[in-house]
Amino acid sequence: MKEDKTTDLGYEFKVDKNCKKRLDIFLCEKINIISRSQIKNIIKNGLVKVLNNNNIETKIKCGYILRKNDLVLVNKFRDSKSNIKPEAQKIEIEIIYEDSNILLVNKPQGMTVHPAVGNYKNTLVNALIYYLKDNLSDLNGEYRPGIVHRIDKNTSGLLVIAKNNFSHKFLAEQFFNHSIIREYTAIVCGSIEKDNIINLNISRDRYNRKKFCVSNYSGKCAITEYELIENLGQYSLIKLKLKTGRTHQIRVHMSHIGHSVLGDDVYGGYRKEFSFLKGQMLHAGILGFVHPKTNQRVVFKKEEPEYFYDVIKKIKFKSVY
């Protein structure tokens, strides 16, 4: 009987009993350095095949239930980081915390997290490679070494970076299960009178693939809780807690209820009097999770950038005069 093995081409697993497990769960247990969400991605990308007892390929999805004598073949999926280079000069990054497993950074507004088409320089990843060289997880491929989660280019705040694959998988599972503590501060347009919870699905905008929107019929569950810090008249300073982590979640939810994040020209937050802003007034100030080494919950905080207070002063000065 064929044994489980790892080759230069990937992995091979023989189902030697009727385990009745989903394919994604089975692979998550077998390849214990990668998260279930990442397993799902490699299945969807066609990197996994299942052959039955007659060596005939079976059509599969993530939820395929394995059968006795199935042979699961996983193509090699980890990429080299060699194509992404550190900058010739050091990019300054604010390090909040560092140990042998993780790194906490405060990403400034205007910095892209990882390289993408048309933007291969001056990203957080370029800065990380300069600083840590090869001491980064590689589960997310060559363009995202160490990157477990992201925040938008024009949002500032805390990001946790994984230095090894074990830490990456450990943290990714917490994001997948929505057990991460994430709190933001924002200045939004309009007068907010009370705290509230927004529970509305989010999906990609059918008319603009770069945007997202609230959807009553499709999309993924998205829950945002917000609390009023200070009513500033035509604007409001609020605190937000993410119960889920969808792309553009806060920006889409606040825009939908008529309180776009100030400075967000994609979702209706542009205001002429604040045309000098370089991005939305949104800051990821609190990040909490269970540490992959100590197994203890840790919480990190970073106050809002100085320009937040400058904008608040401008709003209050205008309201007086």
C-alpha atoms as a PDB file:
ATOM      1  CA  MET A   1       0.000   0.000   0.000  1.00  0.00           C
ATOM      2  CA  LYS A   2       1.274   3.448  -0.919  1.00  0.00           C
ATOM      3  CA  GLU A   3       2.456   5.502   2.066  1.00  0.00           C
ATOM      4  CA  ASP A   4       2.019   9.223   2.651  1.00  0.00           C
ATOM      5  CA  LYS A   5       5.036  11.060   1.331  1.00  0.00           C
ATOM      6  CA  THR A   6       6.468  14.412   0.387  1.00  0.00           C
ATOM      7  CA  THR A   7       8.284  14.799  -2.918  1.00  0.00           C
ATOM      8  CA  ASP A   8       9.875  17.615  -4.899  1.00  0.00           C
ATOM      9  CA  LEU A   9       6.561  17.848  -6.749  1.00  0.00           C
ATOM     10  CA  GLY A  10       4.386  18.105  -3.653  1.00  0.00           C
ATOM     11  CA  TYR A  11       2.493  15.703  -1.374  1.00  0.00           C
ATOM     12  CA  GLU A  12       0.831  12.303  -1.781  1.00  0.00           C
ATOM     13  CA  PHE A  13      -1.672  10.895   0.714  1.00  0.00           C
ATOM     14  CA  LYS A  14      -3.383   7.511   0.597  1.00  0.00           C
ATOM     15  CA  VAL A  15      -6.786   7.186   2.257  1.00  0.00           C
ATOM     16  CA  ASP A  16      -6.422   3.710   3.740  1.00  0.00           C
ATOM     17  CA  LYS A  17      -9.796   3.653   5.462  1.00  0.00           C
ATOM     18  CA  ASN A  18     -13.208   5.171   5.017  1.00  0.00           C
ATOM     19  CA  CYS A  19     -12.403   8.340   6.950  1.00  0.00           C
ATOM     20  CA  LYS A  20     -15.522  10.216   5.759  1.00  0.00           C
ATOM     21  CA  LYS A  21     -13.729  13.545   6.066  1.00  0.00           C
ATOM     22  CA  ARG A  22     -13.973  16.593   3.874  1.00  0.00           C
ATOM     23  CA  LEU A  23     -10.989  17.024   1.593  1.00  0.00           C
ATOM     24  CA  ASP A  24     -10.042  20.443   3.025  1.00  0.00           C
ATOM     25  CA  ILE A  25     -10.183  19.182   6.618  1.00  0.00           C
ATOM     26  CA  PHE A  26      -8.174  16.072   5.705  1.00  0.00           C
ATOM     27  CA  LEU A  27      -5.423  18.146   4.075  1.00  0.00           C
ATOM     28  CA  CYS A  28      -5.368  20.671   6.912  1.00  0.00           C
ATOM     29  CA  GLU A  29      -4.591  17.811   9.297  1.00  0.00           C
ATOM     30  CA  LYS A  30      -1.989  16.275   6.999  1.00  0.00           C
ATOM     31  CA  ILE A  31      -0.217  19.493   5.992  1.00  0.00           C
ATOM     32  CA  ASN A  32      -0.068  21.060   9.435  1.00  0.00           C
ATOM     33  CA  ILE A  33       1.945  24.122   8.432  1.00  0.00           C
ATOM     34  CA  ILE A  34      -0.875  25.672   6.415  1.00  0.00           C
ATOM     35  CA  SER A  35      -4.289  26.997   7.428  1.00  0.00           C
ATOM     36  CA  ARG A  36      -7.642  25.668   6.286  1.00  0.00           C
ATOM     37  CA  SER A  37      -8.410  28.851   4.358  1.00  0.00           C
ATOM     38  CA  GLN A  38      -5.145  28.460   2.458  1.00  0.00           C
ATOM     39  CA  ILE A  39      -5.932  24.790   1.834  1.00  0.00           C
ATOM     40  CA  LYS A  40      -9.204  25.907   0.261  1.00  0.00           C
ATOM     41  CA  ASN A  41      -7.313  28.306  -1.980  1.00  0.00           C
ATOM     42  CA  ILE A  42      -4.962  25.660  -3.347  1.00  0.00           C
ATOM     43  CA  ILE A  43      -7.924  23.339  -4.007  1.00  0.00           C
ATOM     44  CA  LYS A  44      -9.800  26.100  -5.846  1.00  0.00           C
ATOM     45  CA  ASN A  45      -6.646  26.883  -7.841  1.00  0.00           C
ATOM     46  CA  GLY A  46      -6.498  23.309  -9.154  1.00  0.00           C
ATOM     47  CA  LEU A  47      -3.398  22.238  -7.238  1.00  0.00           C
ATOM     48  CA  VAL A  48      -5.104  19.185  -5.703  1.00  0.00           C
ATOM     49  CA  LYS A  49      -6.201  15.994  -7.474  1.00  0.00           C
ATOM     50  CA  VAL A  50      -7.931  12.899  -6.123  1.00  0.00           C
ATOM     51  CA  LEU A  51      -7.551   9.505  -7.858  1.00  0.00           C
ATOM     52  CA  ASN A  52      -9.918   6.667  -6.979  1.00  0.00           C
ATOM     53  CA  ASN A  53      -9.022   2.991  -6.622  1.00  0.00           C
ATOM     54  CA  ASN A  54      -9.034   2.584 -10.418  1.00  0.00           C
ATOM     55  CA  ASN A  55      -6.619   5.497 -10.846  1.00  0.00           C
ATOM     56  CA  ILE A  56      -9.387   7.659 -12.337  1.00  0.00           C
ATOM     57  CA  GLU A  57      -9.387  11.311 -11.408  1.00  0.00           C
ATOM     58  CA  THR A  58     -12.397  12.398  -9.360  1.00  0.00           C
ATOM     59  CA  LYS A  59     -13.959  15.828  -9.742  1.00  0.00           C
ATOM     60  CA  ILE A  60     -13.526  17.563  -6.400  1.00  0.00           C
ATOM     61  CA  LYS A  61     -14.416  20.604  -4.368  1.00  0.00           C
ATOM     62  CA  CYS A  62     -13.339  21.617  -0.887  1.00  0.00           C
ATOM     63  CA  GLY A  63     -16.265  19.687   0.591  1.00  0.00           C
ATOM     64  CA  TYR A  64     -15.568  16.450  -1.289  1.00  0.00           C
ATOM     65  CA  ILE A  65     -15.922  13.480   1.106  1.00  0.00           C
ATOM     66  CA  LEU A  66     -12.946  11.157   0.831  1.00  0.00           C
ATOM     67  CA  ARG A  67     -13.409   7.434   0.216  1.00  0.00           C
ATOM     68  CA  LYS A  68     -11.327   4.384   1.015  1.00  0.00           C
ATOM     69  CA  ASN A  69      -8.273   3.997  -1.250  1.00  0.00           C
ATOM     70  CA  ASP A  70      -8.503   7.540  -2.654  1.00  0.00           C
ATOM     71  CA  LEU A  71      -5.074   8.940  -3.528  1.00  0.00           C
ATOM     72  CA  VAL A  72      -4.754  12.668  -2.839  1.00  0.00           C
ATOM     73  CA  LEU A  73      -2.085  14.503  -4.844  1.00  0.00           C
ATOM     74  CA  VAL A  74      -1.081  18.041  -3.890  1.00  0.00           C
ATOM     75  CA  ASN A  75       1.153  19.950  -6.286  1.00  0.00           C
ATOM     76  CA  LYS A  76       3.952  22.032  -4.833  1.00  0.00           C
ATOM     77  CA  PHE A  77       2.398  25.348  -3.907  1.00  0.00           C
ATOM     78  CA  ARG A  78       5.002  27.352  -2.012  1.00  0.00           C
ATOM     79  CA  ASP A  79       6.857  29.916  -4.075  1.00  0.00           C
ATOM     80  CA  SER A  80      10.327  31.329  -3.702  1.00  0.00           C
ATOM     81  CA  LYS A  81      10.669  34.895  -2.414  1.00  0.00           C
ATOM     82  CA  SER A  82      13.619  35.456  -4.743  1.00  0.00           C
ATOM     83  CA  ASN A  83      11.683  37.617  -7.227  1.00  0.00           C
ATOM     84  CA  ILE A  84      10.710  40.202  -4.626  1.00  0.00           C
ATOM     85  CA  LYS A  85      13.682  42.294  -3.650  1.00  0.00           C
ATOM     86  CA  PRO A  86      14.369  44.483  -0.645  1.00  0.00           C
ATOM     87  CA  GLU A  87      14.743  48.161  -1.427  1.00  0.00           C
ATOM     88  CA  ALA A  88      18.259  49.442  -2.073  1.00  0.00           C
ATOM     89  CA  GLN A  89      17.751  51.757   0.881  1.00  0.00           C
ATOM     90  CA  LYS A  90      16.068  50.994   4.176  1.00  0.00           C
ATOM     91  CA  ILE A  91      12.363  51.808   4.403  1.00  0.00           C
ATOM     92  CA  GLU A  92      11.551  52.973   7.888  1.00  0.00           C
ATOM     93  CA  ILE A  93       8.866  50.915   9.602  1.00  0.00           C
ATOM     94  CA  GLU A  94       7.610  51.460  13.130  1.00  0.00           C
ATOM     95  CA  ILE A  95       8.045  48.234  15.084  1.00  0.00           C
ATOM     96  CA  ILE A  96       5.643  47.917  18.014  1.00  0.00           C
ATOM     97  CA  TYR A  97       6.782  44.468  19.192  1.00  0.00           C
ATOM     98  CA  GLU A  98       9.122  41.714  18.031  1.00  0.00           C
ATOM     99  CA  ASP A  99      10.161  38.225  19.100  1.00  0.00           C
ATOM    100  CA  SER A 100      11.394  35.103  17.320  1.00  0.00           C
ATOM    101  CA  ASN A 101       7.905  34.239  16.017  1.00  0.00           C
ATOM    102  CA  ILE A 102       6.066  37.462  15.204  1.00  0.00           C
ATOM    103  CA  LEU A 103       6.527  41.119  14.427  1.00  0.00           C
ATOM    104  CA  LEU A 104       4.002  43.907  15.091  1.00  0.00           C
ATOM    105  CA  VAL A 105       4.260  46.992  12.886  1.00  0.00           C
ATOM    106  CA  ASN A 106       2.357  50.249  12.636  1.00  0.00           C
ATOM    107  CA  LYS A 107       1.713  50.674   8.909  1.00  0.00           C
ATOM    108  CA  PRO A 108       1.530  54.324   7.863  1.00  0.00           C
ATOM    109  CA  GLN A 109      -1.217  55.711   5.677  1.00  0.00           C
ATOM    110  CA  GLY A 110      -0.206  55.535   2.003  1.00  0.00           C
ATOM    111  CA  MET A 111       1.923  52.387   2.228  1.00  0.00           C
ATOM    112  CA  THR A 112       0.760  49.330   0.284  1.00  0.00           C
ATOM    113  CA  VAL A 113       1.093  46.071   2.221  1.00  0.00           C
ATOM    114  CA  HIS A 114       2.451  43.820  -0.530  1.00  0.00           C
ATOM    115  CA  PRO A 115       3.572  44.061  -4.174  1.00  0.00           C
ATOM    116  CA  ALA A 116       1.019  43.700  -6.954  1.00  0.00           C
ATOM    117  CA  VAL A 117       0.830  44.389 -10.678  1.00  0.00           C
ATOM    118  CA  GLY A 118       2.266  47.830 -11.336  1.00  0.00           C
ATOM    119  CA  ASN A 119       3.545  48.308  -7.793  1.00  0.00           C
ATOM    120  CA  TYR A 120       6.603  46.279  -6.834  1.00  0.00           C
ATOM    121  CA  LYS A 121       8.489  48.829  -4.721  1.00  0.00           C
ATOM    122  CA  ASN A 122       8.113  50.747  -1.474  1.00  0.00           C
ATOM    123  CA  THR A 123       5.633  48.262  -0.009  1.00  0.00           C
ATOM    124  CA  LEU A 124       5.625  46.897   3.515  1.00  0.00           C
ATOM    125  CA  VAL A 125       6.859  43.559   2.142  1.00  0.00           C
ATOM    126  CA  ASN A 126       9.893  45.246   0.557  1.00  0.00           C
ATOM    127  CA  ALA A 127      10.662  46.831   3.914  1.00  0.00           C
ATOM    128  CA  LEU A 128      10.221  43.512   5.743  1.00  0.00           C
ATOM    129  CA  ILE A 129      12.560  41.647   3.391  1.00  0.00           C
ATOM    130  CA  TYR A 130      15.192  44.348   3.906  1.00  0.00           C
ATOM    131  CA  TYR A 131      14.824  44.029   7.685  1.00  0.00           C
ATOM    132  CA  LEU A 132      14.282  40.281   8.151  1.00  0.00           C
ATOM    133  CA  LYS A 133      15.689  38.862   4.907  1.00  0.00           C
ATOM    134  CA  ASP A 134      14.442  35.245   4.673  1.00  0.00           C
ATOM    135  CA  ASN A 135      13.079  35.084   8.221  1.00  0.00           C
ATOM    136  CA  LEU A 136       9.457  35.301   7.083  1.00  0.00           C
ATOM    137  CA  SER A 137       6.746  32.711   6.541  1.00  0.00           C
ATOM    138  CA  ASP A 138       6.179  31.708   2.925  1.00  0.00           C
ATOM    139  CA  LEU A 139       2.666  30.246   3.072  1.00  0.00           C
ATOM    140  CA  ASN A 140       1.175  33.165   1.132  1.00  0.00           C
ATOM    141  CA  GLY A 141       3.599  32.911  -1.786  1.00  0.00           C
ATOM    142  CA  GLU A 142       6.413  35.043  -3.070  1.00  0.00           C
ATOM    143  CA  TYR A 143       4.544  38.364  -3.066  1.00  0.00           C
ATOM    144  CA  ARG A 144       3.255  38.116   0.512  1.00  0.00           C
ATOM    145  CA  PRO A 145       5.998  36.686   2.745  1.00  0.00           C
ATOM    146  CA  GLY A 146       5.011  36.989   6.384  1.00  0.00           C
ATOM    147  CA  ILE A 147       1.678  38.603   5.567  1.00  0.00           C
ATOM    148  CA  VAL A 148      -1.156  37.063   7.577  1.00  0.00           C
ATOM    149  CA  HIS A 149      -3.708  39.855   7.086  1.00  0.00           C
ATOM    150  CA  ARG A 150      -3.920  43.258   5.445  1.00  0.00           C
ATOM    151  CA  ILE A 151      -5.318  46.739   5.867  1.00  0.00           C
ATOM    152  CA  ASP A 152      -5.985  49.124   2.998  1.00  0.00           C
ATOM    153  CA  LYS A 153      -3.201  51.255   1.566  1.00  0.00           C
ATOM    154  CA  ASN A 154      -4.781  54.471   2.846  1.00  0.00           C
ATOM    155  CA  THR A 155      -5.620  53.078   6.288  1.00  0.00           C
ATOM    156  CA  SER A 156      -3.010  53.262   9.044  1.00  0.00           C
ATOM    157  CA  GLY A 157      -2.481  50.887  11.920  1.00  0.00           C
ATOM    158  CA  LEU A 158      -1.360  47.591  13.380  1.00  0.00           C
ATOM    159  CA  LEU A 159      -0.399  44.486  11.434  1.00  0.00           C
ATOM    160  CA  VAL A 160       1.013  41.220  12.773  1.00  0.00           C
ATOM    161  CA  ILE A 161       3.726  39.575  10.658  1.00  0.00           C
ATOM    162  CA  ALA A 162       4.614  35.875  10.874  1.00  0.00           C
ATOM    163  CA  LYS A 163       8.305  34.967  10.923  1.00  0.00           C
ATOM    164  CA  ASN A 164       7.708  31.249  10.359  1.00  0.00           C
ATOM    165  CA  ASN A 165       5.061  28.948   8.909  1.00  0.00           C
ATOM    166  CA  PHE A 166       3.892  27.573  12.239  1.00  0.00           C
ATOM    167  CA  SER A 167       3.137  31.082  13.515  1.00  0.00           C
ATOM    168  CA  HIS A 168       1.469  31.977  10.225  1.00  0.00           C
ATOM    169  CA  LYS A 169      -0.878  28.995  10.359  1.00  0.00           C
ATOM    170  CA  PHE A 170      -1.607  29.564  14.067  1.00  0.00           C
ATOM    171  CA  LEU A 171      -2.551  33.208  13.468  1.00  0.00           C
ATOM    172  CA  ALA A 172      -4.410  32.561  10.211  1.00  0.00           C
ATOM    173  CA  GLU A 173      -6.722  30.113  11.972  1.00  0.00           C
ATOM    174  CA  GLN A 174      -7.678  32.836  14.448  1.00  0.00           C
ATOM    175  CA  PHE A 175      -8.511  35.242  11.630  1.00  0.00           C
ATOM    176  CA  PHE A 176     -10.508  32.496   9.913  1.00  0.00           C
ATOM    177  CA  ASN A 177     -12.463  31.823  13.114  1.00  0.00           C
ATOM    178  CA  HIS A 178     -12.971  35.565  13.804  1.00  0.00           C
ATOM    179  CA  SER A 179     -11.407  35.280  17.271  1.00  0.00           C
ATOM    180  CA  ILE A 180      -8.999  38.166  16.645  1.00  0.00           C
ATOM    181  CA  ILE A 181      -9.625  41.436  18.502  1.00  0.00           C
ATOM    182  CA  ARG A 182      -9.631  44.311  16.024  1.00  0.00           C
ATOM    183  CA  GLU A 183     -10.640  47.841  16.898  1.00  0.00           C
ATOM    184  CA  TYR A 184     -10.446  50.932  14.708  1.00  0.00           C
ATOM    185  CA  THR A 185     -10.866  54.656  15.166  1.00  0.00           C
ATOM    186  CA  ALA A 186     -12.523  56.687  12.411  1.00  0.00           C
ATOM    187  CA  ILE A 187     -13.775  60.150  11.604  1.00  0.00           C
ATOM    188  CA  VAL A 188     -16.964  59.776   9.578  1.00  0.00           C
ATOM    189  CA  CYS A 189     -19.197  62.216   7.765  1.00  0.00           C
ATOM    190  CA  GLY A 190     -22.439  63.261   9.413  1.00  0.00           C
ATOM    191  CA  SER A 191     -23.763  63.408  12.939  1.00  0.00           C
ATOM    192  CA  ILE A 192     -24.008  60.083  14.772  1.00  0.00           C
ATOM    193  CA  GLU A 193     -26.223  60.114  17.831  1.00  0.00           C
ATOM    194  CA  LYS A 194     -25.924  56.585  19.245  1.00  0.00           C
ATOM    195  CA  ASP A 195     -23.990  53.336  19.094  1.00  0.00           C
ATOM    196  CA  ASN A 196     -25.101  50.582  16.747  1.00  0.00           C
ATOM    197  CA  ILE A 197     -24.263  47.251  15.104  1.00  0.00           C
ATOM    198  CA  ILE A 198     -24.320  46.781  11.332  1.00  0.00           C
ATOM    199  CA  ASN A 199     -25.025  43.211  10.234  1.00  0.00           C
ATOM    200  CA  LEU A 200     -25.165  43.289   6.426  1.00  0.00           C
ATOM    201  CA  ASN A 201     -23.610  40.955   3.867  1.00  0.00           C
ATOM    202  CA  ILE A 202     -20.851  42.310   1.637  1.00  0.00           C
ATOM    203  CA  SER A 203     -20.093  41.243  -1.933  1.00  0.00           C
ATOM    204  CA  ARG A 204     -18.048  42.537  -4.835  1.00  0.00           C
ATOM    205  CA  ASP A 205     -19.732  45.342  -6.779  1.00  0.00           C
ATOM    206  CA  ARG A 206     -21.029  43.949 -10.081  1.00  0.00           C
ATOM    207  CA  TYR A 207     -20.453  47.273 -11.844  1.00  0.00           C
ATOM    208  CA  ASN A 208     -16.983  48.028 -10.455  1.00  0.00           C
ATOM    209  CA  ARG A 209     -14.835  45.000  -9.601  1.00  0.00           C
ATOM    210  CA  LYS A 210     -12.494  47.136  -7.492  1.00  0.00           C
ATOM    211  CA  LYS A 211     -15.301  48.047  -5.098  1.00  0.00           C
ATOM    212  CA  PHE A 212     -17.519  46.153  -2.672  1.00  0.00           C
ATOM    213  CA  CYS A 213     -21.111  46.738  -1.669  1.00  0.00           C
ATOM    214  CA  VAL A 214     -23.849  45.632   0.712  1.00  0.00           C
ATOM    215  CA  SER A 215     -25.891  42.787  -0.750  1.00  0.00           C
ATOM    216  CA  ASN A 216     -29.258  41.465   0.417  1.00  0.00           C
ATOM    217  CA  TYR A 217     -29.071  38.321  -1.716  1.00  0.00           C
ATOM    218  CA  SER A 218     -25.445  37.204  -1.809  1.00  0.00           C
ATOM    219  CA  GLY A 219     -22.033  37.983  -0.380  1.00  0.00           C
ATOM    220  CA  LYS A 220     -20.459  37.086   2.934  1.00  0.00           C
ATOM    221  CA  CYS A 221     -21.647  37.821   6.449  1.00  0.00           C
ATOM    222  CA  ALA A 222     -20.146  41.057   7.746  1.00  0.00           C
ATOM    223  CA  ILE A 223     -20.682  42.507  11.221  1.00  0.00           C
ATOM    224  CA  THR A 224     -19.386  45.898  12.350  1.00  0.00           C
ATOM    225  CA  GLU A 225     -20.040  47.370  15.781  1.00  0.00           C
ATOM    226  CA  TYR A 226     -19.490  51.086  16.271  1.00  0.00           C
ATOM    227  CA  GLU A 227     -19.517  53.363  19.313  1.00  0.00           C
ATOM    228  CA  LEU A 228     -19.677  57.134  19.377  1.00  0.00           C
ATOM    229  CA  ILE A 229     -16.646  58.824  20.935  1.00  0.00           C
ATOM    230  CA  GLU A 230     -17.541  62.424  20.114  1.00  0.00           C
ATOM    231  CA  ASN A 231     -20.169  64.116  17.972  1.00  0.00           C
ATOM    232  CA  LEU A 232     -18.416  66.875  16.019  1.00  0.00           C
ATOM    233  CA  GLY A 233     -21.502  68.317  14.324  1.00  0.00           C
ATOM    234  CA  GLN A 234     -21.112  67.615  10.624  1.00  0.00           C
ATOM    235  CA  TYR A 235     -18.681  64.810  11.473  1.00  0.00           C
ATOM    236  CA  SER A 236     -18.328  62.161  14.191  1.00  0.00           C
ATOM    237  CA  LEU A 237     -15.402  60.464  15.881  1.00  0.00           C
ATOM    238  CA  ILE A 238     -16.191  56.784  16.448  1.00  0.00           C
ATOM    239  CA  LYS A 239     -14.652  53.521  17.591  1.00  0.00           C
ATOM    240  CA  LEU A 240     -15.354  50.367  15.576  1.00  0.00           C
ATOM    241  CA  LYS A 241     -15.029  46.675  16.402  1.00  0.00           C
ATOM    242  CA  LEU A 242     -14.848  44.113  13.632  1.00  0.00           C
ATOM    243  CA  LYS A 243     -16.702  40.877  14.279  1.00  0.00           C
ATOM    244  CA  THR A 244     -15.763  39.662  10.783  1.00  0.00           C
ATOM    245  CA  GLY A 245     -12.980  40.695   8.428  1.00  0.00           C
ATOM    246  CA  ARG A 246     -14.262  41.395   4.914  1.00  0.00           C
ATOM    247  CA  THR A 247     -12.453  43.525   2.348  1.00  0.00           C
ATOM    248  CA  HIS A 248     -13.320  47.227   2.810  1.00  0.00           C
ATOM    249  CA  GLN A 249     -15.829  46.186   5.491  1.00  0.00           C
ATOM    250  CA  ILE A 250     -15.832  49.357   7.606  1.00  0.00           C
ATOM    251  CA  ARG A 251     -15.757  51.645   4.583  1.00  0.00           C
ATOM    252  CA  VAL A 252     -18.638  49.824   2.858  1.00  0.00           C
ATOM    253  CA  HIS A 253     -20.813  49.530   5.974  1.00  0.00           C
ATOM    254  CA  MET A 254     -20.388  53.154   7.048  1.00  0.00           C
ATOM    255  CA  SER A 255     -21.027  54.399   3.513  1.00  0.00           C
ATOM    256  CA  HIS A 256     -24.188  52.292   3.296  1.00  0.00           C
ATOM    257  CA  ILE A 257     -25.708  53.909   6.394  1.00  0.00           C
ATOM    258  CA  GLY A 258     -24.834  57.400   5.163  1.00  0.00           C
ATOM    259  CA  HIS A 259     -21.709  57.990   7.237  1.00  0.00           C
ATOM    260  CA  SER A 260     -18.770  57.473   4.865  1.00  0.00           C
ATOM    261  CA  VAL A 261     -15.295  57.591   6.363  1.00  0.00           C
ATOM    262  CA  LEU A 262     -13.908  61.100   5.854  1.00  0.00           C
ATOM    263  CA  GLY A 263     -11.334  61.181   3.050  1.00  0.00           C
ATOM    264  CA  ASP A 264     -12.568  57.967   1.432  1.00  0.00           C
ATOM    265  CA  ASP A 265     -13.162  59.133  -2.127  1.00  0.00           C
ATOM    266  CA  VAL A 266     -14.084  55.593  -3.247  1.00  0.00           C
ATOM    267  CA  TYR A 267     -17.086  55.243  -0.935  1.00  0.00           C
ATOM    268  CA  GLY A 268     -18.368  58.803  -0.739  1.00  0.00           C
ATOM    269  CA  GLY A 269     -16.158  60.336   1.938  1.00  0.00           C
ATOM    270  CA  TYR A 270     -14.575  63.086  -0.167  1.00  0.00           C
ATOM    271  CA  ARG A 271     -15.192  66.581   1.161  1.00  0.00           C
ATOM    272  CA  LYS A 272     -13.765  69.619  -0.616  1.00  0.00           C
ATOM    273  CA  GLU A 273     -12.715  71.316   2.606  1.00  0.00           C
ATOM    274  CA  PHE A 274     -10.561  68.262   3.386  1.00  0.00           C
ATOM    275  CA  SER A 275      -9.222  67.703  -0.121  1.00  0.00           C
ATOM    276  CA  PHE A 276      -5.682  67.825   1.312  1.00  0.00           C
ATOM    277  CA  LEU A 277      -6.171  64.439   2.996  1.00  0.00           C
ATOM    278  CA  LYS A 278      -4.031  61.628   1.614  1.00  0.00           C
ATOM    279  CA  GLY A 279      -6.487  58.878   2.515  1.00  0.00           C
ATOM    280  CA  GLN A 280      -9.417  57.937   4.720  1.00  0.00           C
ATOM    281  CA  MET A 281      -9.493  58.831   8.410  1.00  0.00           C
ATOM    282  CA  LEU A 282      -9.362  55.215   9.561  1.00  0.00           C
ATOM    283  CA  HIS A 283      -6.817  53.744  11.974  1.00  0.00           C
ATOM    284  CA  ALA A 284      -6.420  50.142  13.154  1.00  0.00           C
ATOM    285  CA  GLY A 285      -5.415  50.936  16.724  1.00  0.00           C
ATOM    286  CA  ILE A 286      -6.010  47.702  18.674  1.00  0.00           C
ATOM    287  CA  LEU A 287      -5.015  44.173  17.687  1.00  0.00           C
ATOM    288  CA  GLY A 288      -5.336  41.178  19.999  1.00  0.00           C
ATOM    289  CA  PHE A 289      -4.712  37.459  19.469  1.00  0.00           C
ATOM    290  CA  VAL A 290      -3.383  34.301  21.091  1.00  0.00           C
ATOM    291  CA  HIS A 291       0.405  34.235  20.768  1.00  0.00           C
ATOM    292  CA  PRO A 292       1.648  31.218  18.741  1.00  0.00           C
ATOM    293  CA  LYS A 293       4.476  30.462  21.181  1.00  0.00           C
ATOM    294  CA  THR A 294       3.092  31.233  24.639  1.00  0.00           C
ATOM    295  CA  ASN A 295      -0.537  30.362  23.840  1.00  0.00           C
ATOM    296  CA  GLN A 296      -1.506  33.445  25.870  1.00  0.00           C
ATOM    297  CA  ARG A 297      -3.733  36.236  24.596  1.00  0.00           C
ATOM    298  CA  VAL A 298      -1.872  39.474  23.903  1.00  0.00           C
ATOM    299  CA  VAL A 299      -3.314  42.866  23.007  1.00  0.00           C
ATOM    300  CA  PHE A 300      -1.389  45.660  21.310  1.00  0.00           C
ATOM    301  CA  LYS A 301      -2.434  49.299  21.033  1.00  0.00           C
ATOM    302  CA  LYS A 302      -1.258  52.222  18.915  1.00  0.00           C
ATOM    303  CA  GLU A 303      -2.816  55.669  19.154  1.00  0.00           C
ATOM    304  CA  GLU A 304      -4.047  57.528  16.098  1.00  0.00           C
ATOM    305  CA  PRO A 305      -1.580  59.471  13.910  1.00  0.00           C
ATOM    306  CA  GLU A 306      -1.116  63.171  14.629  1.00  0.00           C
ATOM    307  CA  TYR A 307      -3.074  64.185  11.527  1.00  0.00           C
ATOM    308  CA  PHE A 308      -6.219  62.721  13.136  1.00  0.00           C
ATOM    309  CA  TYR A 309      -6.033  65.358  15.854  1.00  0.00           C
ATOM    310  CA  ASP A 310      -5.252  68.078  13.284  1.00  0.00           C
ATOM    311  CA  VAL A 311      -8.446  67.206  11.399  1.00  0.00           C
ATOM    312  CA  ILE A 312     -10.499  67.195  14.607  1.00  0.00           C
ATOM    313  CA  LYS A 313      -9.106  70.628  15.530  1.00  0.00           C
ATOM    314  CA  LYS A 314     -10.012  71.939  12.066  1.00  0.00           C
ATOM    315  CA  ILE A 315     -13.565  70.594  12.409  1.00  0.00           C
ATOM    316  CA  LYS A 316     -14.014  72.150  15.865  1.00  0.00           C
ATOM    317  CA  PHE A 317     -12.506  75.469  14.778  1.00  0.00           C
ATOM    318  CA  LYS A 318     -14.899  75.654  11.844  1.00  0.00           C
ATOM    319  CA  SER A 319     -17.899  74.863  14.057  1.00  0.00           C
ATOM    320  CA  VAL A 320     -16.974  77.769  16.355  1.00  0.00           C
ATOM    321  CA  TYR A 321     -16.587  80.280  13.535  1.00  0.00           C
END
